[in-house]
Amino acid sequence: MPNYWLLKTEPGSYSFADLERDGATVWDGVRNTVALKHMRSMQTGDLVLIYHTGTERQVVGMAELTSAPYPDPQADLTDNQSGAAPVVVDVRLVRRLARPVSLATIKAEAFFADFALVRQSRLSVVPVNAAQWARLLQLAGEG
């Protein structure tokens, strides 16, 4: 059974439309110690929701991990302030959600009070439990 995650991206840097165009990508750029800890827990076959940050603030699509975490080949370790060695994962496109799920919608539900997206809003990689995953897909018209 796969684990579930939410990956945040600034759509001006790399959007879900870019993933749709590319089909797959290396998910990199994570430097926060807690987010890196989450990334190190990822496994091939895990499913991820892609969340656009910035002015959009919404879950827009789904992807699948096609690799376990591995050292970031582009990392400049002298610039790493967290002290944790950066890792990356490979992801492939699954699909765009039937409809985006906004952060406002998520915050409006008491069900998501413990969700890391709500509690730790600065994290770029957050775990999603099975119940949260199911509810997010339901809100996206996927269910």
N, C-alpha and C. Protein backbone atom coordinates (compact mmCIF):
# COMPACT_ATOMS: atom_id res chain seq x y z
N MET A 1 0.85 -1.18 0.00
CA MET A 1 0.00 0.00 0.00
C MET A 1 0.89 1.25 0.00
N PRO A 2 0.61 2.16 -0.89
CA PRO A 2 1.47 3.35 -0.95
C PRO A 2 1.24 4.30 0.22
N ASN A 3 2.23 5.12 0.47
CA ASN A 3 2.07 6.25 1.37
C ASN A 3 1.59 7.43 0.53
N TYR A 4 1.07 8.44 1.20
CA TYR A 4 0.55 9.62 0.51
C TYR A 4 1.27 10.86 0.99
N TRP A 5 1.48 11.78 0.06
CA TRP A 5 2.22 13.00 0.34
C TRP A 5 1.59 14.16 -0.41
N LEU A 6 1.94 15.35 0.02
CA LEU A 6 1.59 16.57 -0.70
C LEU A 6 2.89 17.32 -0.96
N LEU A 7 3.13 17.66 -2.20
CA LEU A 7 4.32 18.42 -2.60
C LEU A 7 3.89 19.80 -3.05
N LYS A 8 4.53 20.81 -2.50
CA LYS A 8 4.20 22.19 -2.88
C LYS A 8 5.16 22.69 -3.95
N THR A 9 4.62 23.49 -4.85
CA THR A 9 5.45 24.12 -5.86
C THR A 9 4.90 25.50 -6.18
N GLU A 10 5.80 26.42 -6.46
CA GLU A 10 5.41 27.75 -6.93
C GLU A 10 5.14 27.61 -8.42
N PRO A 11 3.89 27.85 -8.86
CA PRO A 11 3.57 27.61 -10.27
C PRO A 11 4.41 28.43 -11.24
N GLY A 12 4.98 29.54 -10.79
CA GLY A 12 5.86 30.32 -11.66
C GLY A 12 7.21 29.67 -11.87
N SER A 13 7.58 28.76 -10.94
CA SER A 13 8.85 28.03 -11.07
C SER A 13 8.67 26.70 -11.79
N TYR A 14 7.72 25.91 -11.32
CA TYR A 14 7.41 24.63 -11.96
C TYR A 14 5.97 24.31 -11.61
N SER A 15 5.10 24.37 -12.59
CA SER A 15 3.67 24.17 -12.35
C SER A 15 3.24 22.75 -12.71
N PHE A 16 2.03 22.43 -12.35
CA PHE A 16 1.49 21.13 -12.72
C PHE A 16 1.39 21.02 -14.25
N ALA A 17 1.12 22.13 -14.92
CA ALA A 17 1.10 22.13 -16.39
C ALA A 17 2.48 21.74 -16.94
N ASP A 18 3.54 22.16 -16.27
CA ASP A 18 4.89 21.75 -16.68
C ASP A 18 5.05 20.24 -16.54
N LEU A 19 4.54 19.67 -15.44
CA LEU A 19 4.61 18.23 -15.25
C LEU A 19 3.78 17.51 -16.32
N GLU A 20 2.61 18.08 -16.65
CA GLU A 20 1.81 17.48 -17.73
C GLU A 20 2.59 17.48 -19.04
N ARG A 21 3.27 18.55 -19.31
CA ARG A 21 4.07 18.66 -20.54
C ARG A 21 5.23 17.67 -20.52
N ASP A 22 5.95 17.60 -19.37
CA ASP A 22 7.16 16.79 -19.26
C ASP A 22 6.86 15.30 -19.04
N GLY A 23 5.75 15.00 -18.39
CA GLY A 23 5.41 13.62 -18.07
C GLY A 23 6.07 13.09 -16.81
N ALA A 24 7.26 13.60 -16.51
CA ALA A 24 8.00 13.20 -15.32
C ALA A 24 9.04 14.28 -15.03
N THR A 25 9.51 14.31 -13.77
CA THR A 25 10.53 15.29 -13.40
C THR A 25 11.27 14.82 -12.15
N VAL A 26 12.38 15.45 -11.89
CA VAL A 26 13.09 15.29 -10.63
C VAL A 26 12.54 16.36 -9.69
N TRP A 27 12.05 15.94 -8.53
CA TRP A 27 11.51 16.90 -7.55
C TRP A 27 12.66 17.31 -6.64
N ASP A 28 13.09 18.55 -6.80
CA ASP A 28 14.27 19.01 -6.08
C ASP A 28 13.99 20.35 -5.41
N GLY A 29 15.02 20.93 -4.83
CA GLY A 29 14.91 22.25 -4.23
C GLY A 29 14.47 22.27 -2.78
N VAL A 30 14.21 21.11 -2.19
CA VAL A 30 13.75 21.06 -0.80
C VAL A 30 14.97 21.21 0.11
N ARG A 31 14.91 22.17 1.03
CA ARG A 31 16.05 22.41 1.93
C ARG A 31 15.65 22.41 3.41
N ASN A 32 14.38 22.53 3.72
CA ASN A 32 13.93 22.52 5.11
C ASN A 32 14.18 21.15 5.73
N THR A 33 14.72 21.14 6.94
CA THR A 33 15.09 19.89 7.61
C THR A 33 13.90 18.95 7.77
N VAL A 34 12.75 19.46 8.21
CA VAL A 34 11.57 18.60 8.41
C VAL A 34 11.05 18.09 7.07
N ALA A 35 11.00 18.95 6.05
CA ALA A 35 10.56 18.53 4.73
C ALA A 35 11.50 17.46 4.16
N LEU A 36 12.81 17.63 4.39
CA LEU A 36 13.77 16.62 3.92
C LEU A 36 13.57 15.30 4.66
N LYS A 37 13.24 15.36 5.93
CA LYS A 37 12.96 14.14 6.70
C LYS A 37 11.77 13.41 6.06
N HIS A 38 10.74 14.17 5.70
CA HIS A 38 9.58 13.55 5.03
C HIS A 38 10.01 12.94 3.70
N MET A 39 10.82 13.67 2.94
CA MET A 39 11.26 13.15 1.64
C MET A 39 12.03 11.85 1.80
N ARG A 40 12.84 11.76 2.84
CA ARG A 40 13.63 10.54 3.05
C ARG A 40 12.74 9.34 3.40
N SER A 41 11.50 9.59 3.80
CA SER A 41 10.55 8.52 4.11
C SER A 41 9.78 8.05 2.89
N MET A 42 9.92 8.74 1.77
CA MET A 42 9.18 8.39 0.56
C MET A 42 9.72 7.10 -0.05
N GLN A 43 8.81 6.41 -0.76
CA GLN A 43 9.16 5.16 -1.41
C GLN A 43 8.62 5.13 -2.82
N THR A 44 9.28 4.38 -3.68
CA THR A 44 8.78 4.18 -5.04
C THR A 44 7.34 3.68 -4.96
N GLY A 45 6.45 4.26 -5.76
CA GLY A 45 5.05 3.87 -5.77
C GLY A 45 4.16 4.73 -4.89
N ASP A 46 4.75 5.53 -4.00
CA ASP A 46 3.94 6.44 -3.19
C ASP A 46 3.23 7.43 -4.12
N LEU A 47 2.06 7.88 -3.69
CA LEU A 47 1.29 8.85 -4.46
C LEU A 47 1.40 10.23 -3.83
N VAL A 48 1.41 11.25 -4.68
CA VAL A 48 1.54 12.62 -4.19
C VAL A 48 0.50 13.51 -4.84
N LEU A 49 0.05 14.46 -4.06
CA LEU A 49 -0.78 15.54 -4.59
C LEU A 49 0.12 16.74 -4.80
N ILE A 50 -0.08 17.42 -5.91
CA ILE A 50 0.71 18.61 -6.22
C ILE A 50 -0.11 19.83 -5.85
N TYR A 51 0.51 20.70 -5.06
CA TYR A 51 -0.15 21.89 -4.51
C TYR A 51 0.56 23.13 -5.05
N HIS A 52 -0.21 24.02 -5.66
CA HIS A 52 0.34 25.29 -6.12
C HIS A 52 0.30 26.30 -4.99
N THR A 53 1.45 26.90 -4.70
CA THR A 53 1.56 27.93 -3.66
C THR A 53 1.28 29.29 -4.29
N GLY A 54 1.71 30.33 -3.60
CA GLY A 54 1.55 31.70 -4.12
C GLY A 54 0.11 32.14 -4.09
N THR A 55 -0.32 32.77 -5.16
CA THR A 55 -1.69 33.30 -5.19
C THR A 55 -2.73 32.22 -5.42
N GLU A 56 -2.32 31.05 -5.95
CA GLU A 56 -3.30 29.99 -6.22
C GLU A 56 -3.73 29.25 -4.96
N ARG A 57 -2.77 28.75 -4.20
CA ARG A 57 -3.02 28.01 -2.96
C ARG A 57 -4.10 26.93 -3.13
N GLN A 58 -3.78 25.95 -3.98
CA GLN A 58 -4.74 24.87 -4.21
C GLN A 58 -4.05 23.60 -4.68
N VAL A 59 -4.68 22.48 -4.33
CA VAL A 59 -4.24 21.18 -4.79
C VAL A 59 -4.76 21.03 -6.22
N VAL A 60 -3.88 20.70 -7.16
CA VAL A 60 -4.29 20.70 -8.57
C VAL A 60 -4.12 19.37 -9.28
N GLY A 61 -3.24 18.49 -8.80
CA GLY A 61 -3.01 17.26 -9.55
C GLY A 61 -2.38 16.18 -8.71
N MET A 62 -2.17 15.03 -9.39
CA MET A 62 -1.62 13.86 -8.72
C MET A 62 -0.43 13.33 -9.52
N ALA A 63 0.55 12.81 -8.77
CA ALA A 63 1.72 12.20 -9.38
C ALA A 63 2.10 10.96 -8.56
N GLU A 64 3.05 10.19 -9.08
CA GLU A 64 3.52 8.99 -8.42
C GLU A 64 5.04 9.02 -8.35
N LEU A 65 5.59 8.57 -7.23
CA LEU A 65 7.04 8.49 -7.11
C LEU A 65 7.56 7.30 -7.91
N THR A 66 8.57 7.56 -8.72
CA THR A 66 9.17 6.49 -9.51
C THR A 66 10.58 6.17 -9.04
N SER A 67 10.99 6.78 -7.94
CA SER A 67 12.29 6.46 -7.34
C SER A 67 12.20 6.65 -5.84
N ALA A 68 13.11 6.00 -5.17
CA ALA A 68 13.34 6.28 -3.76
C ALA A 68 14.15 7.57 -3.70
N PRO A 69 14.22 8.23 -2.56
CA PRO A 69 15.04 9.43 -2.44
C PRO A 69 16.51 9.11 -2.72
N TYR A 70 17.19 10.06 -3.36
CA TYR A 70 18.62 9.91 -3.61
C TYR A 70 19.27 11.28 -3.49
N PRO A 71 20.59 11.31 -3.26
CA PRO A 71 21.27 12.59 -3.05
C PRO A 71 21.04 13.54 -4.24
N ASP A 72 20.78 14.79 -3.93
CA ASP A 72 20.55 15.80 -4.96
C ASP A 72 21.86 16.05 -5.71
N PRO A 73 21.92 15.67 -6.99
CA PRO A 73 23.17 15.83 -7.73
C PRO A 73 23.52 17.30 -8.00
N GLN A 74 22.55 18.20 -7.86
CA GLN A 74 22.77 19.62 -8.11
C GLN A 74 23.06 20.41 -6.84
N ALA A 75 23.03 19.74 -5.70
CA ALA A 75 23.15 20.46 -4.42
C ALA A 75 24.54 21.02 -4.20
N ASP A 76 24.56 22.24 -3.72
CA ASP A 76 25.80 22.87 -3.28
C ASP A 76 25.79 22.75 -1.76
N LEU A 77 26.49 21.77 -1.26
CA LEU A 77 26.44 21.49 0.18
C LEU A 77 26.99 22.63 1.02
N THR A 78 27.79 23.49 0.44
CA THR A 78 28.32 24.62 1.21
C THR A 78 27.24 25.66 1.45
N ASP A 79 26.15 25.60 0.68
CA ASP A 79 25.06 26.56 0.80
C ASP A 79 23.89 26.00 1.60
N ASN A 80 24.04 24.81 2.13
CA ASN A 80 22.95 24.14 2.83
C ASN A 80 22.94 24.56 4.30
N GLN A 81 22.01 25.43 4.66
CA GLN A 81 21.95 25.95 6.02
C GLN A 81 21.26 25.00 6.99
N SER A 82 20.51 24.03 6.48
CA SER A 82 19.78 23.14 7.38
C SER A 82 20.70 22.09 8.00
N GLY A 83 21.84 21.82 7.37
CA GLY A 83 22.73 20.79 7.87
C GLY A 83 22.36 19.40 7.40
N ALA A 84 21.18 19.23 6.79
CA ALA A 84 20.75 17.94 6.28
C ALA A 84 21.10 17.85 4.80
N ALA A 85 21.68 16.74 4.40
CA ALA A 85 22.04 16.56 2.99
C ALA A 85 20.77 16.54 2.14
N PRO A 86 20.70 17.37 1.11
CA PRO A 86 19.50 17.42 0.27
C PRO A 86 19.31 16.14 -0.53
N VAL A 87 18.06 15.74 -0.67
CA VAL A 87 17.70 14.60 -1.50
C VAL A 87 16.65 15.03 -2.51
N VAL A 88 16.48 14.22 -3.54
CA VAL A 88 15.46 14.45 -4.56
C VAL A 88 14.72 13.13 -4.78
N VAL A 89 13.58 13.20 -5.44
CA VAL A 89 12.85 12.02 -5.88
C VAL A 89 12.40 12.26 -7.32
N ASP A 90 12.16 11.18 -8.01
CA ASP A 90 11.60 11.26 -9.36
C ASP A 90 10.10 11.04 -9.27
N VAL A 91 9.34 11.87 -9.98
CA VAL A 91 7.88 11.73 -10.00
C VAL A 91 7.40 11.67 -11.44
N ARG A 92 6.29 11.00 -11.62
CA ARG A 92 5.67 10.96 -12.94
C ARG A 92 4.21 11.40 -12.81
N LEU A 93 3.72 11.97 -13.86
CA LEU A 93 2.34 12.44 -13.93
C LEU A 93 1.36 11.29 -13.76
N VAL A 94 0.32 11.51 -12.97
CA VAL A 94 -0.82 10.60 -12.93
C VAL A 94 -1.99 11.30 -13.63
N ARG A 95 -2.47 12.43 -13.06
CA ARG A 95 -3.56 13.16 -13.72
C ARG A 95 -3.81 14.48 -13.01
N ARG A 96 -4.43 15.38 -13.73
CA ARG A 96 -4.94 16.61 -13.14
C ARG A 96 -6.22 16.25 -12.41
N LEU A 97 -6.46 16.86 -11.26
CA LEU A 97 -7.70 16.59 -10.52
C LEU A 97 -8.89 17.17 -11.28
N ALA A 98 -10.05 16.55 -11.09
CA ALA A 98 -11.26 17.00 -11.78
C ALA A 98 -11.54 18.47 -11.46
N ARG A 99 -11.29 18.85 -10.21
CA ARG A 99 -11.37 20.27 -9.84
C ARG A 99 -10.36 20.53 -8.72
N PRO A 100 -9.75 21.71 -8.74
CA PRO A 100 -8.77 22.05 -7.70
C PRO A 100 -9.43 22.12 -6.33
N VAL A 101 -8.65 21.88 -5.29
CA VAL A 101 -9.13 22.01 -3.91
C VAL A 101 -8.32 23.13 -3.27
N SER A 102 -9.01 24.21 -2.95
CA SER A 102 -8.32 25.39 -2.41
C SER A 102 -7.95 25.20 -0.94
N LEU A 103 -6.94 25.94 -0.53
CA LEU A 103 -6.55 25.94 0.88
C LEU A 103 -7.71 26.43 1.74
N ALA A 104 -8.47 27.39 1.26
CA ALA A 104 -9.63 27.89 2.02
C ALA A 104 -10.65 26.77 2.26
N THR A 105 -10.88 25.95 1.26
CA THR A 105 -11.80 24.81 1.41
C THR A 105 -11.27 23.84 2.45
N ILE A 106 -9.97 23.56 2.40
CA ILE A 106 -9.36 22.63 3.34
C ILE A 106 -9.45 23.19 4.77
N LYS A 107 -9.11 24.47 4.93
CA LYS A 107 -9.15 25.08 6.26
C LYS A 107 -10.56 25.19 6.82
N ALA A 108 -11.55 25.23 5.95
CA ALA A 108 -12.94 25.36 6.39
C ALA A 108 -13.48 24.07 7.01
N GLU A 109 -12.79 22.97 6.83
CA GLU A 109 -13.24 21.68 7.38
C GLU A 109 -12.47 21.34 8.65
N ALA A 110 -13.18 21.16 9.74
CA ALA A 110 -12.56 20.78 11.00
C ALA A 110 -11.78 19.47 10.86
N PHE A 111 -12.22 18.63 9.94
CA PHE A 111 -11.56 17.34 9.67
C PHE A 111 -10.06 17.53 9.42
N PHE A 112 -9.67 18.65 8.80
CA PHE A 112 -8.27 18.88 8.44
C PHE A 112 -7.48 19.66 9.49
N ALA A 113 -8.01 19.81 10.69
CA ALA A 113 -7.33 20.59 11.73
C ALA A 113 -5.93 20.05 12.03
N ASP A 114 -5.73 18.74 11.94
CA ASP A 114 -4.43 18.14 12.23
C ASP A 114 -3.55 17.98 10.99
N PHE A 115 -4.05 18.37 9.83
CA PHE A 115 -3.32 18.20 8.57
C PHE A 115 -2.11 19.14 8.57
N ALA A 116 -0.94 18.59 8.23
CA ALA A 116 0.29 19.38 8.24
C ALA A 116 0.22 20.58 7.30
N LEU A 117 -0.55 20.51 6.24
CA LEU A 117 -0.70 21.66 5.34
C LEU A 117 -1.30 22.85 6.09
N VAL A 118 -2.17 22.57 7.04
CA VAL A 118 -2.81 23.61 7.84
C VAL A 118 -1.93 23.99 9.04
N ARG A 119 -1.37 23.00 9.71
CA ARG A 119 -0.59 23.25 10.92
C ARG A 119 0.81 23.78 10.67
N GLN A 120 1.45 23.30 9.61
CA GLN A 120 2.83 23.68 9.31
C GLN A 120 2.89 24.20 7.87
N SER A 121 2.29 25.34 7.67
CA SER A 121 2.06 25.85 6.32
C SER A 121 3.33 26.13 5.53
N ARG A 122 4.46 26.24 6.17
CA ARG A 122 5.70 26.55 5.46
C ARG A 122 6.39 25.32 4.87
N LEU A 123 5.97 24.13 5.28
CA LEU A 123 6.62 22.91 4.78
C LEU A 123 6.27 22.66 3.32
N SER A 124 7.27 22.29 2.52
CA SER A 124 7.04 22.03 1.10
C SER A 124 6.74 20.56 0.82
N VAL A 125 6.93 19.70 1.81
CA VAL A 125 6.62 18.27 1.70
C VAL A 125 5.88 17.88 2.97
N VAL A 126 4.63 17.42 2.81
CA VAL A 126 3.86 17.06 4.00
C VAL A 126 3.21 15.68 3.80
N PRO A 127 3.20 14.88 4.87
CA PRO A 127 2.51 13.59 4.78
C PRO A 127 1.00 13.81 4.77
N VAL A 128 0.32 12.90 4.11
CA VAL A 128 -1.15 12.90 4.05
C VAL A 128 -1.59 11.51 4.48
N ASN A 129 -2.44 11.42 5.51
CA ASN A 129 -2.89 10.09 5.92
C ASN A 129 -3.99 9.61 4.97
N ALA A 130 -4.34 8.34 5.06
CA ALA A 130 -5.30 7.74 4.12
C ALA A 130 -6.66 8.43 4.16
N ALA A 131 -7.13 8.80 5.33
CA ALA A 131 -8.43 9.46 5.45
C ALA A 131 -8.39 10.86 4.82
N GLN A 132 -7.31 11.58 5.07
CA GLN A 132 -7.15 12.91 4.47
C GLN A 132 -7.08 12.80 2.95
N TRP A 133 -6.32 11.82 2.47
CA TRP A 133 -6.19 11.59 1.03
C TRP A 133 -7.57 11.36 0.40
N ALA A 134 -8.34 10.47 1.02
CA ALA A 134 -9.67 10.14 0.50
C ALA A 134 -10.57 11.37 0.48
N ARG A 135 -10.52 12.17 1.55
CA ARG A 135 -11.36 13.37 1.61
C ARG A 135 -10.91 14.41 0.58
N LEU A 136 -9.61 14.59 0.40
CA LEU A 136 -9.13 15.53 -0.60
C LEU A 136 -9.59 15.12 -2.00
N LEU A 137 -9.51 13.84 -2.30
CA LEU A 137 -9.96 13.37 -3.61
C LEU A 137 -11.47 13.55 -3.76
N GLN A 138 -12.20 13.35 -2.68
CA GLN A 138 -13.65 13.56 -2.72
C GLN A 138 -13.95 15.04 -3.00
N LEU A 139 -13.25 15.94 -2.33
CA LEU A 139 -13.43 17.37 -2.56
C LEU A 139 -13.06 17.77 -3.99
N ALA A 140 -12.14 17.01 -4.58
CA ALA A 140 -11.70 17.29 -5.95
C ALA A 140 -12.63 16.66 -7.00
N GLY A 141 -13.69 16.02 -6.54
CA GLY A 141 -14.62 15.38 -7.49
C GLY A 141 -14.09 14.08 -8.05
N GLU A 142 -13.20 13.45 -7.30
CA GLU A 142 -12.56 12.23 -7.78
C GLU A 142 -13.18 10.98 -7.17
N GLY A 143 -14.32 11.12 -6.50
CA GLY A 143 -14.67 9.94 -5.79
C GLY A 143 -15.99 9.41 -5.67
